Amino acid sequence: MQILIQPQEDYTVKPEEIKAHLDEIRNKIAAQVAEAGDLTQEEYDDVVKAVVGEYEAAKKITLDEAREIEANLQGGFEAIKAMIHKHTAK
Protein backbone atom coordinates (compact mmCIF):
# COMPACT_ATOMS: atom_id res chain seq x y z
CA MET A 1 0.00 0.00 0.00
CA GLN A 2 1.26 3.46 -0.90
CA ILE A 3 0.22 6.67 0.86
CA LEU A 4 0.61 9.99 -0.89
CA ILE A 5 0.99 13.12 1.15
CA GLN A 6 0.44 16.57 -0.35
CA PRO A 7 2.69 19.44 0.63
CA GLN A 8 1.43 21.74 3.36
CA GLU A 9 2.01 24.80 1.17
CA ASP A 10 -1.40 24.45 -0.49
CA TYR A 11 -3.24 26.10 2.39
CA THR A 12 -4.83 29.53 2.09
CA VAL A 13 -5.52 32.16 4.72
CA LYS A 14 -8.55 34.43 4.53
CA PRO A 15 -8.02 38.22 4.73
CA GLU A 16 -10.00 38.51 7.99
CA GLU A 17 -7.80 35.80 9.51
CA ILE A 18 -4.68 37.68 8.45
CA LYS A 19 -5.95 40.86 10.14
CA ALA A 20 -6.76 38.95 13.33
CA HIS A 21 -3.34 37.29 13.32
CA LEU A 22 -1.64 40.63 12.64
CA ASP A 23 -3.37 42.13 15.67
CA GLU A 24 -2.29 39.14 17.78
CA ILE A 25 1.27 39.40 16.49
CA ARG A 26 1.44 43.12 17.27
CA ASN A 27 0.12 42.54 20.78
CA LYS A 28 2.61 39.72 21.43
CA ILE A 29 5.49 41.83 20.17
CA ALA A 30 4.42 44.83 22.25
CA ALA A 31 4.16 42.66 25.37
CA GLN A 32 7.59 41.11 24.82
CA VAL A 33 9.20 44.47 24.09
CA ALA A 34 7.62 46.07 27.17
CA GLU A 35 8.77 43.16 29.32
CA ALA A 36 12.31 43.29 27.95
CA GLY A 37 12.67 47.02 28.53
CA ASP A 38 15.16 49.04 26.52
CA LEU A 39 15.91 47.12 23.32
CA THR A 40 18.19 47.80 20.41
CA GLN A 41 16.91 47.66 16.83
CA GLU A 42 18.57 44.26 16.44
CA GLU A 43 16.91 42.85 19.57
CA TYR A 44 13.54 44.22 18.45
CA ASP A 45 14.02 42.63 15.01
CA ASP A 46 14.75 39.30 16.74
CA VAL A 47 11.48 39.56 18.71
CA VAL A 48 9.57 40.36 15.51
CA LYS A 49 11.15 37.43 13.66
CA ALA A 50 10.43 35.02 16.52
CA VAL A 51 6.78 35.98 16.92
CA VAL A 52 6.05 36.08 13.17
CA GLY A 53 7.92 32.79 12.80
CA GLU A 54 5.61 31.15 15.35
CA TYR A 55 2.56 32.06 13.27
CA GLU A 56 4.15 30.94 10.02
CA ALA A 57 5.31 27.64 11.53
CA ALA A 58 1.80 27.01 12.87
CA LYS A 59 0.46 27.64 9.34
CA LYS A 60 -1.66 30.55 10.56
CA ILE A 61 -0.06 32.72 7.88
CA THR A 62 1.78 31.86 4.68
CA LEU A 63 5.51 32.37 4.19
CA ASP A 64 4.88 35.35 1.92
CA GLU A 65 2.53 36.91 4.47
CA ALA A 66 5.09 36.30 7.21
CA ARG A 67 7.78 38.09 5.22
CA GLU A 68 5.49 41.04 4.50
CA ILE A 69 4.33 41.33 8.12
CA GLU A 70 7.90 41.02 9.40
CA ALA A 71 9.17 43.77 7.08
CA ASN A 72 6.25 45.99 8.01
CA LEU A 73 6.70 45.57 11.75
CA GLN A 74 10.49 45.95 11.69
CA GLY A 75 9.99 49.43 10.28
CA GLY A 76 8.07 50.42 13.40
CA PHE A 77 10.92 50.13 15.90
CA GLU A 78 11.22 53.84 16.67
CA ALA A 79 7.47 54.26 17.18
CA ILE A 80 7.33 51.26 19.52
CA LYS A 81 10.37 52.48 21.44
CA ALA A 82 8.89 55.99 21.84
CA MET A 83 5.54 54.58 22.97
CA ILE A 84 7.14 52.36 25.61
CA HIS A 85 9.34 55.19 26.92
CA LYS A 86 6.29 57.45 27.12
CA HIS A 87 4.39 54.95 29.25
CA THR A 88 7.28 53.84 31.45
CA ALA A 89 8.92 57.24 32.12
CA LYS A 90 6.57 58.52 34.79
C-alpha atoms as a PDB file:
ATOM      1  CA  MET A   1       0.000   0.000   0.000  1.00  0.00           C
ATOM      2  CA  GLN A   2       1.256   3.457  -0.898  1.00  0.00           C
ATOM      3  CA  ILE A   3       0.218   6.669   0.862  1.00  0.00           C
ATOM      4  CA  LEU A   4       0.605   9.993  -0.888  1.00  0.00           C
ATOM      5  CA  ILE A   5       0.995  13.122   1.147  1.00  0.00           C
ATOM      6  CA  GLN A   6       0.436  16.566  -0.346  1.00  0.00           C
ATOM      7  CA  PRO A   7       2.692  19.439   0.626  1.00  0.00           C
ATOM      8  CA  GLN A   8       1.426  21.738   3.355  1.00  0.00           C
ATOM      9  CA  GLU A   9       2.013  24.797   1.168  1.00  0.00           C
ATOM     10  CA  ASP A  10      -1.400  24.450  -0.493  1.00  0.00           C
ATOM     11  CA  TYR A  11      -3.236  26.099   2.389  1.00  0.00           C
ATOM     12  CA  THR A  12      -4.834  29.535   2.092  1.00  0.00           C
ATOM     13  CA  VAL A  13      -5.519  32.158   4.717  1.00  0.00           C
ATOM     14  CA  LYS A  14      -8.548  34.430   4.525  1.00  0.00           C
ATOM     15  CA  PRO A  15      -8.018  38.218   4.735  1.00  0.00           C
ATOM     16  CA  GLU A  16     -10.004  38.507   7.986  1.00  0.00           C
ATOM     17  CA  GLU A  17      -7.802  35.795   9.513  1.00  0.00           C
ATOM     18  CA  ILE A  18      -4.680  37.683   8.454  1.00  0.00           C
ATOM     19  CA  LYS A  19      -5.950  40.856  10.140  1.00  0.00           C
ATOM     20  CA  ALA A  20      -6.759  38.950  13.335  1.00  0.00           C
ATOM     21  CA  HIS A  21      -3.340  37.293  13.316  1.00  0.00           C
ATOM     22  CA  LEU A  22      -1.637  40.627  12.641  1.00  0.00           C
ATOM     23  CA  ASP A  23      -3.365  42.134  15.672  1.00  0.00           C
ATOM     24  CA  GLU A  24      -2.292  39.141  17.784  1.00  0.00           C
ATOM     25  CA  ILE A  25       1.269  39.400  16.493  1.00  0.00           C
ATOM     26  CA  ARG A  26       1.445  43.118  17.274  1.00  0.00           C
ATOM     27  CA  ASN A  27       0.117  42.536  20.784  1.00  0.00           C
ATOM     28  CA  LYS A  28       2.610  39.722  21.430  1.00  0.00           C
ATOM     29  CA  ILE A  29       5.493  41.833  20.172  1.00  0.00           C
ATOM     30  CA  ALA A  30       4.421  44.833  22.254  1.00  0.00           C
ATOM     31  CA  ALA A  31       4.163  42.661  25.373  1.00  0.00           C
ATOM     32  CA  GLN A  32       7.594  41.107  24.822  1.00  0.00           C
ATOM     33  CA  VAL A  33       9.196  44.467  24.093  1.00  0.00           C
ATOM     34  CA  ALA A  34       7.620  46.069  27.166  1.00  0.00           C
ATOM     35  CA  GLU A  35       8.769  43.155  29.315  1.00  0.00           C
ATOM     36  CA  ALA A  36      12.309  43.293  27.952  1.00  0.00           C
ATOM     37  CA  GLY A  37      12.669  47.018  28.525  1.00  0.00           C
ATOM     38  CA  ASP A  38      15.165  49.044  26.520  1.00  0.00           C
ATOM     39  CA  LEU A  39      15.913  47.118  23.323  1.00  0.00           C
ATOM     40  CA  THR A  40      18.194  47.803  20.414  1.00  0.00           C
ATOM     41  CA  GLN A  41      16.912  47.660  16.831  1.00  0.00           C
ATOM     42  CA  GLU A  42      18.570  44.256  16.439  1.00  0.00           C
ATOM     43  CA  GLU A  43      16.913  42.852  19.570  1.00  0.00           C
ATOM     44  CA  TYR A  44      13.541  44.218  18.447  1.00  0.00           C
ATOM     45  CA  ASP A  45      14.018  42.630  15.014  1.00  0.00           C
ATOM     46  CA  ASP A  46      14.746  39.303  16.737  1.00  0.00           C
ATOM     47  CA  VAL A  47      11.482  39.562  18.708  1.00  0.00           C
ATOM     48  CA  VAL A  48       9.566  40.356  15.506  1.00  0.00           C
ATOM     49  CA  LYS A  49      11.146  37.425  13.662  1.00  0.00           C
ATOM     50  CA  ALA A  50      10.429  35.021  16.517  1.00  0.00           C
ATOM     51  CA  VAL A  51       6.779  35.983  16.918  1.00  0.00           C
ATOM     52  CA  VAL A  52       6.052  36.081  13.169  1.00  0.00           C
ATOM     53  CA  GLY A  53       7.919  32.792  12.804  1.00  0.00           C
ATOM     54  CA  GLU A  54       5.615  31.151  15.352  1.00  0.00           C
ATOM     55  CA  TYR A  55       2.562  32.063  13.270  1.00  0.00           C
ATOM     56  CA  GLU A  56       4.151  30.936  10.016  1.00  0.00           C
ATOM     57  CA  ALA A  57       5.310  27.644  11.528  1.00  0.00           C
ATOM     58  CA  ALA A  58       1.799  27.008  12.873  1.00  0.00           C
ATOM     59  CA  LYS A  59       0.462  27.641   9.336  1.00  0.00           C
ATOM     60  CA  LYS A  60      -1.664  30.550  10.564  1.00  0.00           C
ATOM     61  CA  ILE A  61      -0.056  32.720   7.878  1.00  0.00           C
ATOM     62  CA  THR A  62       1.779  31.861   4.681  1.00  0.00           C
ATOM     63  CA  LEU A  63       5.506  32.369   4.194  1.00  0.00           C
ATOM     64  CA  ASP A  64       4.882  35.351   1.916  1.00  0.00           C
ATOM     65  CA  GLU A  65       2.531  36.914   4.466  1.00  0.00           C
ATOM     66  CA  ALA A  66       5.095  36.301   7.211  1.00  0.00           C
ATOM     67  CA  ARG A  67       7.782  38.085   5.216  1.00  0.00           C
ATOM     68  CA  GLU A  68       5.486  41.036   4.502  1.00  0.00           C
ATOM     69  CA  ILE A  69       4.334  41.327   8.119  1.00  0.00           C
ATOM     70  CA  GLU A  70       7.902  41.024   9.395  1.00  0.00           C
ATOM     71  CA  ALA A  71       9.166  43.767   7.076  1.00  0.00           C
ATOM     72  CA  ASN A  72       6.246  45.988   8.005  1.00  0.00           C
ATOM     73  CA  LEU A  73       6.701  45.566  11.753  1.00  0.00           C
ATOM     74  CA  GLN A  74      10.493  45.946  11.688  1.00  0.00           C
ATOM     75  CA  GLY A  75       9.993  49.426  10.279  1.00  0.00           C
ATOM     76  CA  GLY A  76       8.067  50.418  13.401  1.00  0.00           C
ATOM     77  CA  PHE A  77      10.918  50.130  15.897  1.00  0.00           C
ATOM     78  CA  GLU A  78      11.224  53.843  16.671  1.00  0.00           C
ATOM     79  CA  ALA A  79       7.474  54.257  17.178  1.00  0.00           C
ATOM     80  CA  ILE A  80       7.327  51.257  19.524  1.00  0.00           C
ATOM     81  CA  LYS A  81      10.367  52.484  21.436  1.00  0.00           C
ATOM     82  CA  ALA A  82       8.892  55.990  21.840  1.00  0.00           C
ATOM     83  CA  MET A  83       5.541  54.583  22.971  1.00  0.00           C
ATOM     84  CA  ILE A  84       7.145  52.363  25.615  1.00  0.00           C
ATOM     85  CA  HIS A  85       9.344  55.188  26.921  1.00  0.00           C
ATOM     86  CA  LYS A  86       6.295  57.449  27.120  1.00  0.00           C
ATOM     87  CA  HIS A  87       4.390  54.948  29.248  1.00  0.00           C
ATOM     88  CA  THR A  88       7.283  53.841  31.445  1.00  0.00           C
ATOM     89  CA  ALA A  89       8.919  57.237  32.115  1.00  0.00           C
ATOM     90  CA  LYS A  90       6.566  58.522  34.792  1.00  0.00           C
END
